[in-house]
Amino acid sequence: MHSFVLLGLCLSFTSMADDRPNIIVILADDLGYNDVGFTNGSTQIKTPRLNELAEQGITFENGYATHPYCGPSRAGLLTGRYQARFGMENNVSYTPYDPHMGLPTEELTFAERLQKVGYNTAVFGKWHLGGAPKFQPNKQGFDYFYGFLDGGHMYMPGQVHVGSPDGYWLPIMRNNLPAEFDEYLTTALSRDAAKYIKRSTDEPFMMYLSYNAPHAPLQAPQETINKYKHIKNKNRQIYAAMVDEMDQGIGMVVDALKEKGKYENTLIFFLSDNGGLYPDTWWPQFDWADNSPFRHGKVALMEGGVHVPFIAHWPNKIKKGFKFDGLVSALDIAATSVALAKADSSDGLLDGVNLEPYMTKRKTGTPHKALFWRLEEADNIWAVRTMTGKYMQQGLPGVGRAYFDMVNDPTEQVNAVDKYPQKQAELAKLWNEWNKNNKENILRQSNEYKSAVQAFYEQLNKDDRAQANAREKYIVK
């Protein structure tokens, strides 16, 4: 009798086993579109582990970031909402004191949504969404954090020091405590992520592996740099080594999944936060990334700035690798994850689309009718892209206001502005409808913010000195 009851309980628990997938989002930083093998078939830089994931998964040939540089792009990715919805279109400046400089706490990350339905959540690497305690990862939906809060970090162990106002030099954090790293930072992040997988339980997990590679400063192990001595550009040699090290680190994560028996039912997304650096007028010396066949790069709304390497891999559902040419956005990662986790999205705030039907070929076509961008750097910087056309305005050399035929000219070589007025009007209408629900940007640009903070401290000191000089000396009797 007891045996029968125990057997029944075992069968009951087995039938209730959680078959929801683990979800891993791997984000590269300032990666050139042409700097991974799966986008072009061959490359100077060796990325065998990423190429394998692409060959066995799905390559989104029209995959886009929501912004052409770091912080806003991450805000869109993690919330699943255009960052313009909540007025966050500038990089967050690192400060542990400012209670307003960060991702608004009323915005839900998709990690928070997944936490509520039993997912374990972890983030490794670059945060860049606020340094004050209330903005840190453990308060924004992540159970575990190993990384840094600023927009970048030094890569070599031994370079950190306490007290720096620049987060690049501060110690790595584990949750809310300092944590040392004793090897190349990209490797350390990958190793900690692999360890996390190996100690995971039967509960599903969501991991956000947010590399700062290959973002500056250009630093890599010398033995890896030596692999790329044939590249004449010395900066590109180091950059290539940084991408190579990231690919090796991704291999560590994939191997951990296989060792733990979680490879088949883990959905892996890989993409870049924006395009690679391009020697535009504002940083002519930054010439190490390759965004070809697209023009321009980071900060630009041209394809080189927002059209990014983007793949998904899920052996249980994606049986054979294939290429998908519909419009896909970083926003879709949150929507897909929430749907697969059976988490709540009834607030209707998510701007992304669940990609699962497209990844499993139950749906064809494009997930998005149109994608939108807006920049704060100056008035009137915007872009809208459909499957057939792109209409934009940005003060780039040889660009300005532009219309591109994305069917016959997907690399934006010919500006056909005003040749198709009806098509332009249709795109303008789409953009204006989208922009109705947006907020104007709130945060200041980093240099402007730092100048204002410095001016505040100077004025504070001036006032304190004046107050001190105005006090009369007292006499002891």
Protein backbone atom coordinates (compact mmCIF):
# COMPACT_ATOMS: atom_id res chain seq x y z
CA MET A 1 0.00 0.00 0.00
CA HIS A 2 2.72 2.45 1.04
CA SER A 3 4.78 1.49 -2.01
CA PHE A 4 1.80 2.18 -4.25
CA VAL A 5 1.28 5.58 -2.64
CA LEU A 6 4.96 6.49 -3.01
CA LEU A 7 4.93 5.34 -6.63
CA GLY A 8 1.84 7.46 -7.26
CA LEU A 9 3.55 10.49 -5.72
CA CYS A 10 6.63 9.94 -7.87
CA LEU A 11 4.50 9.72 -11.01
CA SER A 12 2.62 12.84 -9.95
CA PHE A 13 5.82 14.84 -9.47
CA THR A 14 7.22 13.54 -12.76
CA SER A 15 4.11 14.66 -14.62
CA MET A 16 4.49 18.08 -13.04
CA ALA A 17 8.11 18.44 -14.16
CA ASP A 18 8.87 21.95 -15.41
CA ASP A 19 9.57 21.75 -19.14
CA ARG A 20 9.88 25.50 -19.70
CA PRO A 21 13.22 26.34 -21.32
CA ASN A 22 16.21 27.94 -19.70
CA ILE A 23 16.93 31.26 -21.39
CA ILE A 24 20.38 32.73 -21.96
CA VAL A 25 20.83 36.19 -23.48
CA ILE A 26 24.42 36.85 -24.58
CA LEU A 27 25.13 40.48 -25.45
CA ALA A 28 28.33 41.67 -27.10
CA ASP A 29 29.38 45.31 -26.79
CA ASP A 30 30.22 47.39 -29.90
CA LEU A 31 30.66 44.31 -32.10
CA GLY A 32 31.12 44.94 -35.82
CA TYR A 33 28.54 43.25 -38.05
CA ASN A 34 31.26 41.66 -40.19
CA ASP A 35 33.39 40.50 -37.25
CA VAL A 36 31.74 37.12 -36.67
CA GLY A 37 31.83 34.22 -39.07
CA PHE A 38 28.09 33.60 -39.26
CA THR A 39 27.31 36.96 -40.88
CA ASN A 40 29.65 36.55 -43.84
CA GLY A 41 30.82 32.96 -44.07
CA SER A 42 34.44 33.88 -43.50
CA THR A 43 36.18 36.48 -41.40
CA GLN A 44 39.56 37.53 -40.14
CA ILE A 45 38.35 36.76 -36.64
CA LYS A 46 37.80 33.20 -35.46
CA THR A 47 34.36 32.61 -33.90
CA PRO A 48 33.81 28.84 -34.20
CA ARG A 49 31.51 28.51 -31.18
CA LEU A 50 29.17 31.28 -32.34
CA ASN A 51 29.26 29.93 -35.89
CA GLU A 52 28.17 26.53 -34.60
CA LEU A 53 25.24 28.03 -32.70
CA ALA A 54 24.19 29.91 -35.83
CA GLU A 55 24.51 26.84 -38.07
CA GLN A 56 22.29 24.83 -35.73
CA GLY A 57 19.90 27.67 -34.89
CA ILE A 58 18.34 30.65 -36.58
CA THR A 59 20.16 33.68 -37.96
CA PHE A 60 18.07 36.85 -37.95
CA GLU A 61 19.35 38.57 -41.07
CA ASN A 62 17.38 41.72 -40.27
CA GLY A 63 18.03 41.87 -36.53
CA TYR A 64 18.16 45.28 -34.88
CA ALA A 65 19.13 47.00 -31.64
CA THR A 66 16.74 49.64 -30.31
CA HIS A 67 19.46 52.30 -30.09
CA PRO A 68 22.91 52.85 -31.64
CA TYR A 69 24.79 52.98 -28.33
CA CYS A 70 25.13 51.20 -25.02
CA GLY A 71 22.86 52.32 -22.19
CA PRO A 72 19.58 53.02 -24.00
CA SER A 73 20.01 49.82 -26.02
CA ARG A 74 20.26 47.82 -22.79
CA ALA A 75 17.25 49.60 -21.32
CA GLY A 76 15.18 48.55 -24.32
CA LEU A 77 16.47 44.99 -24.27
CA LEU A 78 15.80 44.36 -20.58
CA THR A 79 12.39 46.02 -20.37
CA GLY A 80 11.16 44.86 -23.76
CA ARG A 81 10.03 48.43 -24.34
CA TYR A 82 11.40 51.19 -26.51
CA GLN A 83 13.52 53.28 -24.15
CA ALA A 84 11.80 56.37 -25.54
CA ARG A 85 8.65 55.16 -23.76
CA PHE A 86 10.23 56.22 -20.47
CA GLY A 87 12.60 58.97 -21.59
CA MET A 88 15.90 57.10 -21.29
CA GLU A 89 17.87 57.89 -24.44
CA ASN A 90 21.26 58.73 -22.95
CA ASN A 91 23.93 56.63 -21.32
CA VAL A 92 23.56 56.43 -17.56
CA SER A 93 26.48 58.14 -15.83
CA TYR A 94 28.03 56.07 -13.07
CA THR A 95 27.24 57.54 -9.66
CA PRO A 96 26.26 55.69 -6.50
CA TYR A 97 24.73 58.88 -5.03
CA ASP A 98 22.19 60.08 -7.57
CA PRO A 99 18.75 58.52 -6.91
CA HIS A 100 17.54 59.53 -10.38
CA MET A 101 20.42 58.37 -12.61
CA GLY A 102 19.32 54.90 -13.68
CA LEU A 103 16.65 52.69 -15.21
CA PRO A 104 13.38 53.89 -13.62
CA THR A 105 12.40 51.39 -10.94
CA GLU A 106 8.76 51.46 -12.03
CA GLU A 107 9.84 49.87 -15.32
CA LEU A 108 9.73 46.06 -15.15
CA THR A 109 12.66 44.14 -16.52
CA PHE A 110 11.73 40.83 -18.05
CA ALA A 111 13.88 39.23 -15.34
CA GLU A 112 11.36 40.56 -12.80
CA ARG A 113 8.52 39.08 -14.81
CA LEU A 114 10.27 35.69 -14.93
CA GLN A 115 11.15 35.78 -11.23
CA LYS A 116 7.45 35.91 -10.41
CA VAL A 117 6.85 32.57 -12.17
CA GLY A 118 9.68 30.62 -10.60
CA TYR A 119 12.70 31.37 -12.74
CA ASN A 120 16.12 31.81 -11.15
CA THR A 121 17.76 34.88 -12.68
CA ALA A 122 21.40 35.92 -13.03
CA VAL A 123 23.39 38.64 -14.77
CA PHE A 124 27.10 38.60 -15.55
CA GLY A 125 29.18 41.53 -16.74
CA LYS A 126 28.16 45.04 -17.76
CA TRP A 127 25.10 46.65 -16.16
CA HIS A 128 25.21 50.34 -17.18
CA LEU A 129 21.70 51.06 -15.89
CA GLY A 130 22.47 52.87 -12.64
CA GLY A 131 24.94 52.78 -9.76
CA ALA A 132 22.75 53.81 -6.82
CA PRO A 133 21.60 50.82 -4.71
CA LYS A 134 17.99 50.91 -5.93
CA PHE A 135 19.11 50.65 -9.56
CA GLN A 136 21.49 47.73 -9.11
CA PRO A 137 20.75 44.29 -10.62
CA ASN A 138 19.64 42.63 -7.37
CA LYS A 139 16.87 45.27 -7.13
CA GLN A 140 15.91 44.98 -10.81
CA GLY A 141 14.96 41.33 -11.06
CA PHE A 142 18.21 39.42 -10.76
CA ASP A 143 18.89 36.94 -7.96
CA TYR A 144 22.60 36.84 -8.73
CA PHE A 145 25.04 39.42 -10.10
CA TYR A 146 28.71 39.12 -10.97
CA GLY A 147 30.02 42.11 -12.86
CA PHE A 148 30.30 45.89 -12.79
CA LEU A 149 27.91 48.84 -12.78
CA ASP A 150 29.55 51.33 -15.15
CA GLY A 151 29.58 51.32 -18.95
CA GLY A 152 32.88 49.50 -19.14
CA HIS A 153 35.76 48.06 -17.14
CA MET A 154 39.46 47.37 -17.31
CA TYR A 155 40.06 43.81 -18.50
CA MET A 156 43.28 42.88 -16.75
CA PRO A 157 43.38 41.71 -13.11
CA GLY A 158 45.36 43.96 -10.82
CA GLN A 159 44.16 47.18 -12.43
CA VAL A 160 41.36 47.86 -9.94
CA HIS A 161 41.62 50.30 -7.07
CA VAL A 162 39.21 51.52 -4.43
CA GLY A 163 37.93 55.08 -4.43
CA SER A 164 37.91 55.77 -8.16
CA PRO A 165 34.97 57.91 -9.34
CA ASP A 166 35.29 56.02 -12.62
CA GLY A 167 33.62 52.61 -12.41
CA TYR A 168 36.05 51.19 -14.98
CA TRP A 169 38.64 50.87 -12.23
CA LEU A 170 36.48 49.71 -9.32
CA PRO A 171 36.49 46.10 -8.07
CA ILE A 172 34.14 43.62 -9.69
CA MET A 173 30.97 42.97 -7.67
CA ARG A 174 29.28 39.75 -6.63
CA ASN A 175 25.76 40.80 -5.69
CA ASN A 176 26.32 43.74 -3.33
CA LEU A 177 29.87 42.86 -2.28
CA PRO A 178 33.27 43.37 -3.91
CA ALA A 179 34.72 40.36 -5.71
CA GLU A 180 38.17 39.99 -7.21
CA PHE A 181 38.96 38.47 -10.59
CA ASP A 182 42.35 36.88 -11.22
CA GLU A 183 42.24 36.34 -14.99
CA TYR A 184 41.23 38.18 -18.15
CA LEU A 185 37.83 39.71 -17.40
CA THR A 186 35.97 38.16 -20.35
CA THR A 187 37.20 34.74 -19.23
CA ALA A 188 36.30 35.44 -15.60
CA LEU A 189 32.73 36.40 -16.57
CA SER A 190 32.38 33.30 -18.75
CA ARG A 191 33.79 31.01 -16.07
CA ASP A 192 31.43 32.36 -13.42
CA ALA A 193 28.49 31.94 -15.81
CA ALA A 194 29.55 28.33 -16.50
CA LYS A 195 29.78 27.65 -12.75
CA TYR A 196 26.30 29.08 -12.30
CA ILE A 197 24.95 26.60 -14.83
CA LYS A 198 26.76 23.70 -13.20
CA ARG A 199 25.24 24.44 -9.81
CA SER A 200 21.74 25.13 -11.18
CA THR A 201 18.79 23.06 -9.98
CA ASP A 202 15.80 21.61 -11.80
CA GLU A 203 14.10 25.01 -11.75
CA PRO A 204 14.48 26.95 -15.01
CA PHE A 205 16.89 29.86 -15.09
CA MET A 206 17.33 33.04 -17.10
CA MET A 207 20.89 34.23 -17.59
CA TYR A 208 21.95 37.60 -19.02
CA LEU A 209 25.62 37.36 -20.04
CA SER A 210 26.45 40.97 -20.81
CA TYR A 211 30.03 41.11 -22.05
CA ASN A 212 31.87 44.40 -22.25
CA ALA A 213 33.94 42.84 -25.05
CA PRO A 214 34.95 44.12 -27.50
CA HIS A 215 34.26 47.61 -26.05
CA ALA A 216 37.29 49.79 -25.28
CA PRO A 217 39.77 49.82 -23.63
CA LEU A 218 41.47 47.55 -26.14
CA GLN A 219 43.03 44.86 -23.97
CA ALA A 220 43.55 41.13 -24.54
CA PRO A 221 45.96 38.34 -23.57
CA GLN A 222 49.15 38.61 -25.62
CA GLU A 223 49.01 34.99 -26.77
CA THR A 224 45.60 35.65 -28.33
CA ILE A 225 46.78 38.89 -29.92
CA ASN A 226 49.62 36.90 -31.48
CA LYS A 227 47.05 34.85 -33.42
CA TYR A 228 46.19 38.01 -35.36
CA LYS A 229 49.66 39.36 -36.19
CA HIS A 230 48.76 39.15 -39.88
CA ILE A 231 46.35 42.08 -39.37
CA LYS A 232 48.27 45.30 -40.08
CA ASN A 233 46.09 47.57 -37.93
CA LYS A 234 47.48 47.14 -34.38
CA ASN A 235 44.23 48.21 -32.75
CA ARG A 236 42.30 45.70 -34.85
CA GLN A 237 44.74 42.98 -33.77
CA ILE A 238 43.73 43.53 -30.15
CA TYR A 239 40.05 43.94 -31.04
CA ALA A 240 40.15 40.63 -32.93
CA ALA A 241 41.68 38.93 -29.90
CA MET A 242 38.90 40.36 -27.71
CA VAL A 243 36.21 38.89 -29.98
CA ASP A 244 38.11 35.60 -30.06
CA GLU A 245 38.23 35.48 -26.24
CA MET A 246 34.50 36.21 -26.07
CA ASP A 247 33.82 33.34 -28.47
CA GLN A 248 35.92 31.01 -26.31
CA GLY A 249 33.97 32.16 -23.24
CA ILE A 250 30.66 31.42 -24.97
CA GLY A 251 32.07 27.95 -25.62
CA MET A 252 32.60 27.51 -21.89
CA VAL A 253 28.94 28.32 -21.27
CA VAL A 254 27.71 25.93 -23.97
CA ASP A 255 29.97 23.16 -22.64
CA ALA A 256 28.56 23.70 -19.13
CA LEU A 257 25.02 23.31 -20.50
CA LYS A 258 25.99 20.01 -22.12
CA GLU A 259 27.71 18.77 -18.96
CA LYS A 260 24.64 19.63 -16.87
CA GLY A 261 22.23 18.04 -19.37
CA LYS A 262 20.53 21.36 -20.11
CA TYR A 263 21.78 22.01 -23.62
CA GLU A 264 18.72 20.74 -25.49
CA ASN A 265 16.15 22.79 -23.61
CA THR A 266 18.03 26.07 -23.37
CA LEU A 267 17.16 28.95 -25.67
CA ILE A 268 20.26 31.04 -26.37
CA PHE A 269 20.04 34.49 -27.93
CA PHE A 270 23.21 36.23 -29.11
CA LEU A 271 23.39 39.79 -30.41
CA SER A 272 25.33 43.03 -30.12
CA ASP A 273 24.05 46.11 -28.30
CA ASN A 274 24.77 48.23 -31.39
CA GLY A 275 27.16 48.41 -34.30
CA GLY A 276 30.92 48.53 -33.99
CA LEU A 277 32.88 51.75 -33.72
CA TYR A 278 33.34 53.59 -36.99
CA PRO A 279 35.79 56.48 -37.58
CA ASP A 280 33.12 59.16 -37.92
CA THR A 281 33.98 62.81 -37.32
CA TRP A 282 33.42 62.58 -33.54
CA TRP A 283 36.03 59.77 -33.11
CA PRO A 284 38.11 59.52 -36.30
CA GLN A 285 40.77 57.39 -34.62
CA PHE A 286 38.37 54.55 -33.71
CA ASP A 287 38.94 52.38 -36.78
CA TRP A 288 39.13 48.79 -35.56
CA ALA A 289 35.63 47.33 -36.12
CA ASP A 290 34.16 46.22 -39.44
CA ASN A 291 30.45 46.88 -40.03
CA SER A 292 30.51 46.05 -43.72
CA PRO A 293 28.52 45.75 -45.87
CA PHE A 294 26.76 48.53 -43.95
CA ARG A 295 27.72 52.20 -43.66
CA HIS A 296 28.81 54.03 -40.50
CA GLY A 297 28.59 52.44 -37.03
CA LYS A 298 27.93 53.10 -33.37
CA VAL A 299 25.86 56.27 -32.72
CA ALA A 300 24.59 56.32 -36.33
CA LEU A 301 21.05 55.39 -37.35
CA MET A 302 22.43 54.02 -40.58
CA GLU A 303 22.42 50.22 -40.78
CA GLY A 304 26.00 50.11 -39.49
CA GLY A 305 24.82 51.52 -36.16
CA VAL A 306 21.68 49.47 -35.48
CA HIS A 307 21.71 46.37 -37.73
CA VAL A 308 23.49 43.81 -35.56
CA PRO A 309 24.60 40.15 -35.60
CA PHE A 310 21.64 38.30 -34.04
CA ILE A 311 20.99 34.56 -33.62
CA ALA A 312 18.88 32.16 -31.56
CA HIS A 313 19.67 28.53 -30.73
CA TRP A 314 17.31 26.00 -29.12
CA PRO A 315 17.83 22.32 -30.01
CA ASN A 316 14.45 21.21 -28.66
CA LYS A 317 12.60 23.54 -30.99
CA ILE A 318 14.97 24.67 -33.75
CA LYS A 319 15.83 21.41 -35.45
CA LYS A 320 17.91 22.73 -38.30
CA GLY A 321 19.71 26.00 -38.79
CA PHE A 322 18.09 28.51 -41.12
CA LYS A 323 18.10 32.20 -41.99
CA PHE A 324 15.13 34.48 -41.31
CA ASP A 325 14.74 37.83 -43.07
CA GLY A 326 11.76 39.36 -41.23
CA LEU A 327 12.29 42.43 -39.05
CA VAL A 328 13.45 41.33 -35.59
CA SER A 329 14.25 43.60 -32.66
CA ALA A 330 16.12 43.23 -29.38
CA LEU A 331 12.70 44.03 -27.88
CA ASP A 332 11.53 40.59 -28.97
CA ILE A 333 13.82 38.81 -26.52
CA ALA A 334 11.72 39.98 -23.57
CA ALA A 335 8.41 39.19 -25.28
CA THR A 336 9.62 35.72 -26.29
CA SER A 337 11.01 34.96 -22.84
CA VAL A 338 7.86 36.10 -21.06
CA ALA A 339 5.68 33.98 -23.36
CA LEU A 340 7.81 30.85 -22.98
CA ALA A 341 8.03 31.28 -19.20
CA LYS A 342 4.25 31.72 -19.03
CA ALA A 343 4.84 35.00 -17.21
CA ASP A 344 2.39 37.88 -17.03
CA SER A 345 2.29 40.44 -19.85
CA SER A 346 -1.30 41.53 -19.35
CA ASP A 347 -0.20 45.14 -18.71
CA GLY A 348 0.25 45.41 -22.48
CA LEU A 349 3.50 47.34 -22.12
CA LEU A 350 5.84 45.07 -24.08
CA ASP A 351 6.73 46.41 -27.52
CA GLY A 352 8.32 43.19 -28.72
CA VAL A 353 6.89 40.14 -30.46
CA ASN A 354 7.05 36.50 -29.37
CA LEU A 355 9.46 34.94 -31.86
CA GLU A 356 8.74 31.32 -30.94
CA PRO A 357 6.26 30.74 -33.82
CA TYR A 358 8.79 32.15 -36.28
CA MET A 359 11.68 30.14 -34.85
CA THR A 360 9.63 26.95 -35.18
CA LYS A 361 8.42 27.91 -38.69
CA ARG A 362 4.76 27.91 -37.65
CA LYS A 363 4.69 31.52 -38.81
CA THR A 364 6.36 33.22 -41.74
CA GLY A 365 6.59 36.85 -42.74
CA THR A 366 7.87 39.67 -40.58
CA PRO A 367 7.24 39.96 -36.81
CA HIS A 368 7.24 43.77 -37.11
CA LYS A 369 5.59 45.97 -39.67
CA ALA A 370 8.04 48.72 -38.76
CA LEU A 371 10.88 49.47 -36.35
CA PHE A 372 11.61 52.91 -34.90
CA TRP A 373 14.51 54.92 -33.51
CA ARG A 374 14.93 58.32 -31.92
CA LEU A 375 18.05 60.06 -30.62
CA GLU A 376 18.36 62.88 -28.11
CA GLU A 377 21.72 64.35 -29.22
CA ALA A 378 19.95 67.04 -31.25
CA ASP A 379 16.45 67.86 -32.40
CA ASN A 380 15.09 65.93 -35.34
CA ILE A 381 17.16 62.72 -35.25
CA TRP A 382 14.95 59.78 -36.09
CA ALA A 383 14.50 56.71 -38.28
CA VAL A 384 11.77 54.28 -39.28
CA ARG A 385 12.35 51.07 -41.20
CA THR A 386 9.89 48.70 -42.86
CA MET A 387 10.62 45.65 -44.99
CA THR A 388 10.71 47.82 -48.09
CA GLY A 389 11.97 51.25 -47.07
CA LYS A 390 13.81 53.36 -44.50
CA TYR A 391 13.23 57.06 -43.86
CA MET A 392 15.59 58.89 -41.52
CA GLN A 393 17.17 62.15 -40.47
CA GLN A 394 20.64 62.48 -38.95
CA GLY A 395 23.45 64.93 -39.55
CA LEU A 396 25.91 62.38 -40.83
CA PRO A 397 28.30 63.19 -43.68
CA GLY A 398 26.45 62.64 -46.94
CA VAL A 399 23.22 61.59 -45.23
CA GLY A 400 21.04 64.24 -43.57
CA ARG A 401 17.41 63.50 -44.44
CA ALA A 402 17.36 60.26 -46.36
CA TYR A 403 15.15 57.59 -47.90
CA PHE A 404 16.54 54.19 -48.81
CA ASP A 405 14.98 51.43 -50.88
CA MET A 406 15.69 48.49 -48.54
CA VAL A 407 14.72 45.89 -51.15
CA ASN A 408 17.15 46.98 -53.86
CA ASP A 409 19.59 48.93 -51.68
CA PRO A 410 19.76 47.22 -48.26
CA THR A 411 23.23 48.67 -47.56
CA GLU A 412 22.01 52.27 -48.05
CA GLN A 413 24.32 53.35 -50.84
CA VAL A 414 21.86 55.63 -52.67
CA ASN A 415 19.90 58.38 -50.92
CA ALA A 416 16.60 58.54 -52.80
CA VAL A 417 15.05 61.22 -50.61
CA ASP A 418 11.91 62.85 -52.07
CA LYS A 419 11.87 60.50 -55.08
CA TYR A 420 9.09 58.50 -53.44
CA PRO A 421 7.03 61.12 -51.57
CA GLN A 422 4.06 58.80 -50.91
CA LYS A 423 6.29 56.13 -49.37
CA GLN A 424 8.05 58.74 -47.26
CA ALA A 425 4.71 60.10 -46.07
CA GLU A 426 3.57 56.61 -45.07
CA LEU A 427 6.76 56.06 -43.06
CA ALA A 428 6.50 59.50 -41.45
CA LYS A 429 2.94 58.70 -40.40
CA LEU A 430 4.07 55.42 -38.81
CA TRP A 431 6.85 57.20 -36.90
CA ASN A 432 4.58 60.00 -35.66
CA GLU A 433 2.01 57.46 -34.43
CA TRP A 434 4.76 55.61 -32.55
CA ASN A 435 6.19 58.78 -31.06
CA LYS A 436 2.84 59.88 -29.58
CA ASN A 437 3.33 57.46 -26.69
CA ASN A 438 6.92 58.47 -25.93
CA LYS A 439 8.43 60.73 -23.30
CA GLU A 440 11.06 63.33 -23.98
CA ASN A 441 14.52 62.35 -22.84
CA ILE A 442 15.19 62.99 -19.15
CA LEU A 443 18.84 62.15 -18.43
CA ARG A 444 21.75 64.37 -19.40
CA GLN A 445 24.60 63.22 -21.58
CA SER A 446 27.58 62.02 -19.57
CA ASN A 447 29.90 64.99 -20.21
CA GLU A 448 27.10 67.47 -19.52
CA TYR A 449 26.12 65.60 -16.37
CA LYS A 450 29.69 65.46 -15.07
CA SER A 451 30.15 69.16 -15.73
CA ALA A 452 26.97 69.96 -13.79
CA VAL A 453 28.08 67.76 -10.89
CA GLN A 454 31.52 69.40 -10.85
CA ALA A 455 29.90 72.86 -10.90
CA PHE A 456 27.68 71.81 -7.99
CA TYR A 457 30.67 70.77 -5.89
CA GLU A 458 32.55 73.97 -6.76
CA GLN A 459 29.56 76.10 -5.76
CA LEU A 460 29.04 74.04 -2.61
CA ASN A 461 32.65 74.58 -1.61
CA LYS A 462 32.41 78.29 -2.43
CA ASP A 463 29.30 78.63 -0.26
CA ASP A 464 30.92 76.68 2.58
CA ARG A 465 34.03 78.90 2.50
CA ALA A 466 31.91 82.07 2.45
CA GLN A 467 29.89 80.77 5.39
CA ALA A 468 33.07 79.89 7.29
CA ASN A 469 34.62 83.32 6.64
CA ALA A 470 31.44 85.06 7.79
CA ARG A 471 31.47 83.40 11.19
CA GLU A 472 32.96 85.48 14.00
CA LYS A 473 35.64 83.90 16.13
CA TYR A 474 34.44 83.25 19.64
CA ILE A 475 36.48 84.01 22.75
CA VAL A 476 36.84 81.56 25.57
CA LYS A 477 36.44 83.19 28.97
